[in-house]
Amino acid sequence: MTLDSLFGGAWSIVASIGSWDSWTISDAMRSDGAWLVGLVVTIVGGLLVAFIYARLPFLERHLEKSVMIWSYLLIATILAVEVVRRFVFSVQEPWSTTLPPFLFLFMTWAGCSYNMKFRNHLSFAEFRGMLPRAGQFACLMLDAALWVVFSWVVIVTSTRVVFNAAANFQILLGTDNVLQWWLLTSVPVSFLLMAGRAFENLAIDYQNYRTGAPLIAASAQFGD
């Protein structure tokens, strides 16, 4: 990977987006420049999400939770209804076995972003609580950096999958006109929300570090 290929690939992606042709964008996304564009999107998009969450507390509290609940309800409803239709009436919608896995993507990654708010992911809080204050803050900064890098990698790779599906006009099996990329977009969007949560948590940790408030909680609790 050279600087020329990196910046040249990034420019080709930007130019292809202007054409709004899925095949052209998919081809451009195969270049090394996708990593540079993805990094910018992850950082700028994550900061924008954190800013929106700070200005719209209702959205910050309920967005991921609503996606989780409605996705779960739709999955449960589809499965329950189709089991009855299949074994009682001997009929079944062809998309009833292909749509729930995509809805599960919605629920899973929205839930991952939601858990970041409460720090319920593996964090070794007991061990970190024994560190000096500077060590605790360093661990929290490492958390934020790792989440942003993780989000960056997934945003780039999943966006490639999205545009590849769009370029090949992949249809949701069992339907006539529902495109898979509409549903696959949930993955990069969810990880953009995770990047936003990472920046949000980092801002909180920095404020706590400055004011002398506790940095590491012994256990995370769901607050709302």
C-alpha atoms as a PDB file:
ATOM      1  CA  MET A   1       0.000   0.000   0.000  1.00  0.00           C
ATOM      2  CA  THR A   2       1.555   3.291  -1.139  1.00  0.00           C
ATOM      3  CA  LEU A   3       0.436   6.861  -0.570  1.00  0.00           C
ATOM      4  CA  ASP A   4      -0.332   7.212  -4.258  1.00  0.00           C
ATOM      5  CA  SER A   5      -2.614   4.171  -4.265  1.00  0.00           C
ATOM      6  CA  LEU A   6      -4.181   5.281  -0.983  1.00  0.00           C
ATOM      7  CA  PHE A   7      -5.057   8.821  -2.029  1.00  0.00           C
ATOM      8  CA  GLY A   8      -5.711   7.850  -5.648  1.00  0.00           C
ATOM      9  CA  GLY A   9      -8.135   5.151  -4.547  1.00  0.00           C
ATOM     10  CA  ALA A  10      -9.812   7.539  -2.123  1.00  0.00           C
ATOM     11  CA  TRP A  11     -10.326  10.091  -4.892  1.00  0.00           C
ATOM     12  CA  SER A  12     -11.758   7.445  -7.215  1.00  0.00           C
ATOM     13  CA  ILE A  13     -14.280   6.509  -4.522  1.00  0.00           C
ATOM     14  CA  VAL A  14     -15.316  10.140  -4.027  1.00  0.00           C
ATOM     15  CA  ALA A  15     -15.654  10.577  -7.801  1.00  0.00           C
ATOM     16  CA  SER A  16     -17.664   7.358  -8.157  1.00  0.00           C
ATOM     17  CA  ILE A  17     -20.090   8.432  -5.450  1.00  0.00           C
ATOM     18  CA  GLY A  18     -20.867  11.495  -7.548  1.00  0.00           C
ATOM     19  CA  SER A  19     -22.020   9.218 -10.349  1.00  0.00           C
ATOM     20  CA  TRP A  20     -24.220   7.255  -7.915  1.00  0.00           C
ATOM     21  CA  ASP A  21     -23.685   4.100  -9.945  1.00  0.00           C
ATOM     22  CA  SER A  22     -23.506   1.055  -7.681  1.00  0.00           C
ATOM     23  CA  TRP A  23     -21.223  -0.903 -10.010  1.00  0.00           C
ATOM     24  CA  THR A  24     -18.736   1.984 -10.282  1.00  0.00           C
ATOM     25  CA  ILE A  25     -18.760   2.541  -6.520  1.00  0.00           C
ATOM     26  CA  SER A  26     -18.356  -1.181  -5.815  1.00  0.00           C
ATOM     27  CA  ASP A  27     -15.358  -1.341  -8.146  1.00  0.00           C
ATOM     28  CA  ALA A  28     -13.785   1.758  -6.549  1.00  0.00           C
ATOM     29  CA  MET A  29     -14.350   0.358  -3.050  1.00  0.00           C
ATOM     30  CA  ARG A  30     -11.977  -2.525  -3.806  1.00  0.00           C
ATOM     31  CA  SER A  31      -9.021  -0.116  -3.774  1.00  0.00           C
ATOM     32  CA  ASP A  32      -6.829   0.694  -0.766  1.00  0.00           C
ATOM     33  CA  GLY A  33      -8.397   4.137  -0.712  1.00  0.00           C
ATOM     34  CA  ALA A  34     -11.490   2.598   0.880  1.00  0.00           C
ATOM     35  CA  TRP A  35      -9.577   2.468   4.175  1.00  0.00           C
ATOM     36  CA  LEU A  36      -8.784   6.182   4.067  1.00  0.00           C
ATOM     37  CA  VAL A  37     -12.344   7.133   3.145  1.00  0.00           C
ATOM     38  CA  GLY A  38     -13.671   4.728   5.776  1.00  0.00           C
ATOM     39  CA  LEU A  39     -11.452   6.260   8.455  1.00  0.00           C
ATOM     40  CA  VAL A  40     -12.724   9.748   7.671  1.00  0.00           C
ATOM     41  CA  VAL A  41     -16.344   8.538   7.626  1.00  0.00           C
ATOM     42  CA  THR A  42     -15.883   6.686  10.924  1.00  0.00           C
ATOM     43  CA  ILE A  43     -14.337   9.647  12.750  1.00  0.00           C
ATOM     44  CA  VAL A  44     -16.503  12.408  11.272  1.00  0.00           C
ATOM     45  CA  GLY A  45     -19.649  10.280  11.360  1.00  0.00           C
ATOM     46  CA  GLY A  46     -18.964   9.124  14.913  1.00  0.00           C
ATOM     47  CA  LEU A  47     -18.403  12.679  16.115  1.00  0.00           C
ATOM     48  CA  LEU A  48     -21.609  13.743  14.354  1.00  0.00           C
ATOM     49  CA  VAL A  49     -23.563  10.950  16.047  1.00  0.00           C
ATOM     50  CA  ALA A  50     -22.117  11.949  19.442  1.00  0.00           C
ATOM     51  CA  PHE A  51     -23.065  15.587  18.741  1.00  0.00           C
ATOM     52  CA  ILE A  52     -26.631  14.640  17.755  1.00  0.00           C
ATOM     53  CA  TYR A  53     -26.986  12.450  20.840  1.00  0.00           C
ATOM     54  CA  ALA A  54     -25.820  15.351  23.030  1.00  0.00           C
ATOM     55  CA  ARG A  55     -28.380  17.700  21.457  1.00  0.00           C
ATOM     56  CA  LEU A  56     -31.265  15.205  21.314  1.00  0.00           C
ATOM     57  CA  PRO A  57     -31.374  13.288  24.618  1.00  0.00           C
ATOM     58  CA  PHE A  58     -34.612  11.495  23.679  1.00  0.00           C
ATOM     59  CA  LEU A  59     -32.952  10.041  20.579  1.00  0.00           C
ATOM     60  CA  GLU A  60     -29.869   9.128  22.595  1.00  0.00           C
ATOM     61  CA  ARG A  61     -31.962   7.196  25.104  1.00  0.00           C
ATOM     62  CA  HIS A  62     -34.352   5.429  22.769  1.00  0.00           C
ATOM     63  CA  LEU A  63     -32.933   4.997  19.239  1.00  0.00           C
ATOM     64  CA  GLU A  64     -31.048   1.696  19.632  1.00  0.00           C
ATOM     65  CA  LYS A  65     -33.535   0.396  22.170  1.00  0.00           C
ATOM     66  CA  SER A  66     -36.440   0.986  19.781  1.00  0.00           C
ATOM     67  CA  VAL A  67     -34.615  -0.752  16.920  1.00  0.00           C
ATOM     68  CA  MET A  68     -33.904  -3.732  19.179  1.00  0.00           C
ATOM     69  CA  ILE A  69     -37.467  -4.059  20.437  1.00  0.00           C
ATOM     70  CA  TRP A  70     -39.177  -3.646  17.070  1.00  0.00           C
ATOM     71  CA  SER A  71     -36.748  -6.008  15.346  1.00  0.00           C
ATOM     72  CA  TYR A  72     -37.342  -8.647  18.005  1.00  0.00           C
ATOM     73  CA  LEU A  73     -41.116  -8.213  17.808  1.00  0.00           C
ATOM     74  CA  LEU A  74     -41.074  -8.513  14.015  1.00  0.00           C
ATOM     75  CA  ILE A  75     -38.936 -11.671  14.171  1.00  0.00           C
ATOM     76  CA  ALA A  76     -41.193 -13.232  16.794  1.00  0.00           C
ATOM     77  CA  THR A  77     -44.364 -12.260  14.914  1.00  0.00           C
ATOM     78  CA  ILE A  78     -43.144 -13.591  11.570  1.00  0.00           C
ATOM     79  CA  LEU A  79     -42.030 -16.899  13.061  1.00  0.00           C
ATOM     80  CA  ALA A  80     -45.165 -17.379  15.147  1.00  0.00           C
ATOM     81  CA  VAL A  81     -47.564 -16.547  12.330  1.00  0.00           C
ATOM     82  CA  GLU A  82     -45.733 -18.630   9.751  1.00  0.00           C
ATOM     83  CA  VAL A  83     -45.528 -21.684  12.037  1.00  0.00           C
ATOM     84  CA  VAL A  84     -49.312 -21.595  12.406  1.00  0.00           C
ATOM     85  CA  ARG A  85     -49.847 -21.016   8.667  1.00  0.00           C
ATOM     86  CA  ARG A  86     -47.479 -23.821   7.737  1.00  0.00           C
ATOM     87  CA  PHE A  87     -48.740 -26.552  10.060  1.00  0.00           C
ATOM     88  CA  VAL A  88     -52.407 -25.570  10.157  1.00  0.00           C
ATOM     89  CA  PHE A  89     -53.098 -24.190   6.680  1.00  0.00           C
ATOM     90  CA  SER A  90     -50.176 -25.771   4.768  1.00  0.00           C
ATOM     91  CA  VAL A  91     -49.081 -22.401   3.331  1.00  0.00           C
ATOM     92  CA  GLN A  92     -46.052 -20.230   3.995  1.00  0.00           C
ATOM     93  CA  GLU A  93     -44.664 -16.930   2.772  1.00  0.00           C
ATOM     94  CA  PRO A  94     -41.396 -17.633   0.917  1.00  0.00           C
ATOM     95  CA  TRP A  95     -39.637 -14.686   2.562  1.00  0.00           C
ATOM     96  CA  SER A  96     -40.532 -15.778   6.103  1.00  0.00           C
ATOM     97  CA  THR A  97     -37.258 -17.714   6.443  1.00  0.00           C
ATOM     98  CA  THR A  98     -35.004 -15.131   4.765  1.00  0.00           C
ATOM     99  CA  LEU A  99     -36.144 -11.850   6.328  1.00  0.00           C
ATOM    100  CA  PRO A 100     -35.695 -12.766  10.059  1.00  0.00           C
ATOM    101  CA  PRO A 101     -31.887 -13.225   9.752  1.00  0.00           C
ATOM    102  CA  PHE A 102     -31.601  -9.663   8.410  1.00  0.00           C
ATOM    103  CA  LEU A 103     -33.831  -8.384  11.207  1.00  0.00           C
ATOM    104  CA  PHE A 104     -31.534 -10.218  13.609  1.00  0.00           C
ATOM    105  CA  LEU A 105     -28.671  -8.092  12.237  1.00  0.00           C
ATOM    106  CA  PHE A 106     -30.667  -4.978  13.135  1.00  0.00           C
ATOM    107  CA  MET A 107     -31.291  -6.241  16.655  1.00  0.00           C
ATOM    108  CA  THR A 108     -27.763  -7.535  17.320  1.00  0.00           C
ATOM    109  CA  TRP A 109     -25.714  -4.559  16.242  1.00  0.00           C
ATOM    110  CA  ALA A 110     -28.144  -1.986  17.632  1.00  0.00           C
ATOM    111  CA  GLY A 111     -27.915  -3.904  20.919  1.00  0.00           C
ATOM    112  CA  CYS A 112     -24.133  -3.802  20.750  1.00  0.00           C
ATOM    113  CA  SER A 113     -24.226  -0.025  20.377  1.00  0.00           C
ATOM    114  CA  TYR A 114     -26.789   0.250  23.191  1.00  0.00           C
ATOM    115  CA  ASN A 115     -24.589  -1.782  25.558  1.00  0.00           C
ATOM    116  CA  MET A 116     -21.697   0.586  24.917  1.00  0.00           C
ATOM    117  CA  LYS A 117     -23.706   3.287  26.645  1.00  0.00           C
ATOM    118  CA  PHE A 118     -23.744   1.235  29.850  1.00  0.00           C
ATOM    119  CA  ARG A 119     -20.239  -0.232  29.464  1.00  0.00           C
ATOM    120  CA  ASN A 120     -21.654  -3.760  29.671  1.00  0.00           C
ATOM    121  CA  HIS A 121     -19.050  -5.210  27.338  1.00  0.00           C
ATOM    122  CA  LEU A 122     -16.059  -7.064  28.761  1.00  0.00           C
ATOM    123  CA  SER A 123     -13.955  -4.392  30.508  1.00  0.00           C
ATOM    124  CA  PHE A 124     -12.229  -6.050  33.522  1.00  0.00           C
ATOM    125  CA  ALA A 125     -13.635  -3.321  35.769  1.00  0.00           C
ATOM    126  CA  GLU A 126     -12.427  -4.971  39.000  1.00  0.00           C
ATOM    127  CA  PHE A 127      -8.842  -5.108  37.732  1.00  0.00           C
ATOM    128  CA  ARG A 128      -8.934  -1.590  36.355  1.00  0.00           C
ATOM    129  CA  GLY A 129     -10.386  -0.274  39.593  1.00  0.00           C
ATOM    130  CA  MET A 130      -7.135  -1.202  41.350  1.00  0.00           C
ATOM    131  CA  LEU A 131      -5.035   0.896  38.952  1.00  0.00           C
ATOM    132  CA  PRO A 132      -3.995   4.490  39.710  1.00  0.00           C
ATOM    133  CA  ARG A 133      -6.230   7.191  38.298  1.00  0.00           C
ATOM    134  CA  ALA A 134      -3.963   7.867  35.312  1.00  0.00           C
ATOM    135  CA  GLY A 135      -3.900   4.145  34.529  1.00  0.00           C
ATOM    136  CA  GLN A 136      -7.693   3.974  34.648  1.00  0.00           C
ATOM    137  CA  PHE A 137      -7.997   6.884  32.237  1.00  0.00           C
ATOM    138  CA  ALA A 138      -5.410   5.322  29.925  1.00  0.00           C
ATOM    139  CA  CYS A 139      -7.474   2.116  29.831  1.00  0.00           C
ATOM    140  CA  LEU A 140     -10.612   4.075  28.992  1.00  0.00           C
ATOM    141  CA  MET A 141      -8.795   5.879  26.186  1.00  0.00           C
ATOM    142  CA  LEU A 142      -7.625   2.500  24.902  1.00  0.00           C
ATOM    143  CA  ASP A 143     -11.245   1.288  24.977  1.00  0.00           C
ATOM    144  CA  ALA A 144     -12.372   4.228  22.851  1.00  0.00           C
ATOM    145  CA  ALA A 145      -9.498   3.768  20.387  1.00  0.00           C
ATOM    146  CA  LEU A 146     -10.180   0.045  20.004  1.00  0.00           C
ATOM    147  CA  TRP A 147     -13.905   0.605  19.465  1.00  0.00           C
ATOM    148  CA  VAL A 148     -13.231   3.245  16.822  1.00  0.00           C
ATOM    149  CA  VAL A 149     -10.712   0.993  15.035  1.00  0.00           C
ATOM    150  CA  PHE A 150     -13.109  -1.954  15.245  1.00  0.00           C
ATOM    151  CA  SER A 151     -15.914   0.209  13.852  1.00  0.00           C
ATOM    152  CA  TRP A 152     -13.627   1.482  11.086  1.00  0.00           C
ATOM    153  CA  VAL A 153     -12.737  -2.039   9.941  1.00  0.00           C
ATOM    154  CA  VAL A 154     -16.355  -3.225   9.930  1.00  0.00           C
ATOM    155  CA  ILE A 155     -17.657  -0.062   8.233  1.00  0.00           C
ATOM    156  CA  VAL A 156     -15.181  -0.484   5.366  1.00  0.00           C
ATOM    157  CA  THR A 157     -15.681  -4.234   4.898  1.00  0.00           C
ATOM    158  CA  SER A 158     -19.452  -4.183   5.315  1.00  0.00           C
ATOM    159  CA  THR A 159     -19.831  -1.190   2.990  1.00  0.00           C
ATOM    160  CA  ARG A 160     -18.001  -3.187   0.338  1.00  0.00           C
ATOM    161  CA  VAL A 161     -20.551  -5.954   0.807  1.00  0.00           C
ATOM    162  CA  VAL A 162     -23.415  -3.452   0.586  1.00  0.00           C
ATOM    163  CA  PHE A 163     -22.245  -1.976  -2.724  1.00  0.00           C
ATOM    164  CA  ASN A 164     -21.398  -5.397  -4.111  1.00  0.00           C
ATOM    165  CA  ALA A 165     -24.962  -6.510  -3.351  1.00  0.00           C
ATOM    166  CA  ALA A 166     -26.312  -3.343  -4.974  1.00  0.00           C
ATOM    167  CA  ALA A 167     -24.113  -3.739  -8.046  1.00  0.00           C
ATOM    168  CA  ASN A 168     -25.327  -7.297  -8.568  1.00  0.00           C
ATOM    169  CA  PHE A 169     -28.986  -6.451  -7.866  1.00  0.00           C
ATOM    170  CA  GLN A 170     -29.183  -9.136  -5.177  1.00  0.00           C
ATOM    171  CA  ILE A 171     -32.815  -9.690  -4.180  1.00  0.00           C
ATOM    172  CA  LEU A 172     -34.009 -10.918  -0.811  1.00  0.00           C
ATOM    173  CA  LEU A 173     -34.887 -14.563  -1.441  1.00  0.00           C
ATOM    174  CA  GLY A 174     -38.617 -15.096  -1.517  1.00  0.00           C
ATOM    175  CA  THR A 175     -39.377 -11.587  -2.775  1.00  0.00           C
ATOM    176  CA  ASP A 176     -39.558  -9.982  -6.197  1.00  0.00           C
ATOM    177  CA  ASN A 177     -38.278  -6.468  -5.576  1.00  0.00           C
ATOM    178  CA  VAL A 178     -36.735  -6.178  -2.075  1.00  0.00           C
ATOM    179  CA  LEU A 179     -33.016  -5.526  -2.552  1.00  0.00           C
ATOM    180  CA  GLN A 180     -30.613  -7.033  -0.050  1.00  0.00           C
ATOM    181  CA  TRP A 181     -28.485  -3.903   0.208  1.00  0.00           C
ATOM    182  CA  TRP A 182     -31.382  -2.050   1.802  1.00  0.00           C
ATOM    183  CA  LEU A 183     -31.110  -4.441   4.738  1.00  0.00           C
ATOM    184  CA  LEU A 184     -27.329  -4.887   4.718  1.00  0.00           C
ATOM    185  CA  THR A 185     -26.911  -1.133   5.200  1.00  0.00           C
ATOM    186  CA  SER A 186     -27.880  -1.711   8.828  1.00  0.00           C
ATOM    187  CA  VAL A 187     -24.386  -3.081   9.558  1.00  0.00           C
ATOM    188  CA  PRO A 188     -22.239  -0.024   8.662  1.00  0.00           C
ATOM    189  CA  VAL A 189     -24.901   2.280  10.116  1.00  0.00           C
ATOM    190  CA  SER A 190     -24.876   0.358  13.408  1.00  0.00           C
ATOM    191  CA  PHE A 191     -21.092   0.544  13.637  1.00  0.00           C
ATOM    192  CA  LEU A 192     -21.255   4.257  12.925  1.00  0.00           C
ATOM    193  CA  LEU A 193     -23.518   4.488  15.975  1.00  0.00           C
ATOM    194  CA  MET A 194     -20.917   2.489  17.919  1.00  0.00           C
ATOM    195  CA  ALA A 195     -18.215   4.964  16.913  1.00  0.00           C
ATOM    196  CA  GLY A 196     -20.506   7.722  18.159  1.00  0.00           C
ATOM    197  CA  ARG A 197     -20.934   5.914  21.479  1.00  0.00           C
ATOM    198  CA  ALA A 198     -17.152   5.533  21.737  1.00  0.00           C
ATOM    199  CA  PHE A 199     -16.641   9.288  21.317  1.00  0.00           C
ATOM    200  CA  GLU A 200     -19.525   9.984  23.708  1.00  0.00           C
ATOM    201  CA  ASN A 201     -17.969   7.758  26.383  1.00  0.00           C
ATOM    202  CA  LEU A 202     -14.555   9.318  25.821  1.00  0.00           C
ATOM    203  CA  ALA A 203     -15.981  12.804  26.375  1.00  0.00           C
ATOM    204  CA  ILE A 204     -17.628  11.629  29.606  1.00  0.00           C
ATOM    205  CA  ASP A 205     -14.412   9.976  30.791  1.00  0.00           C
ATOM    206  CA  TYR A 206     -12.360  13.084  30.029  1.00  0.00           C
ATOM    207  CA  GLN A 207     -14.827  15.245  31.953  1.00  0.00           C
ATOM    208  CA  ASN A 208     -14.740  12.853  34.908  1.00  0.00           C
ATOM    209  CA  TYR A 209     -10.931  12.818  34.829  1.00  0.00           C
ATOM    210  CA  ARG A 210     -10.797  16.617  34.939  1.00  0.00           C
ATOM    211  CA  THR A 211     -13.362  16.974  37.718  1.00  0.00           C
ATOM    212  CA  GLY A 212     -12.040  14.145  39.883  1.00  0.00           C
ATOM    213  CA  ALA A 213     -15.186  12.018  39.543  1.00  0.00           C
ATOM    214  CA  PRO A 214     -14.832   8.196  39.653  1.00  0.00           C
ATOM    215  CA  LEU A 215     -13.635   6.707  36.375  1.00  0.00           C
ATOM    216  CA  ILE A 216     -14.157   2.977  36.749  1.00  0.00           C
ATOM    217  CA  ALA A 217     -17.436   1.601  38.096  1.00  0.00           C
ATOM    218  CA  ALA A 218     -17.395  -1.811  39.743  1.00  0.00           C
ATOM    219  CA  SER A 219     -20.377  -2.856  37.659  1.00  0.00           C
ATOM    220  CA  ALA A 220     -22.554  -1.283  34.998  1.00  0.00           C
ATOM    221  CA  GLN A 221     -26.261  -0.899  35.594  1.00  0.00           C
ATOM    222  CA  PHE A 222     -29.028  -0.238  33.107  1.00  0.00           C
ATOM    223  CA  GLY A 223     -30.327   3.184  33.921  1.00  0.00           C
ATOM    224  CA  ASP A 224     -33.269   3.704  31.583  1.00  0.00           C
END
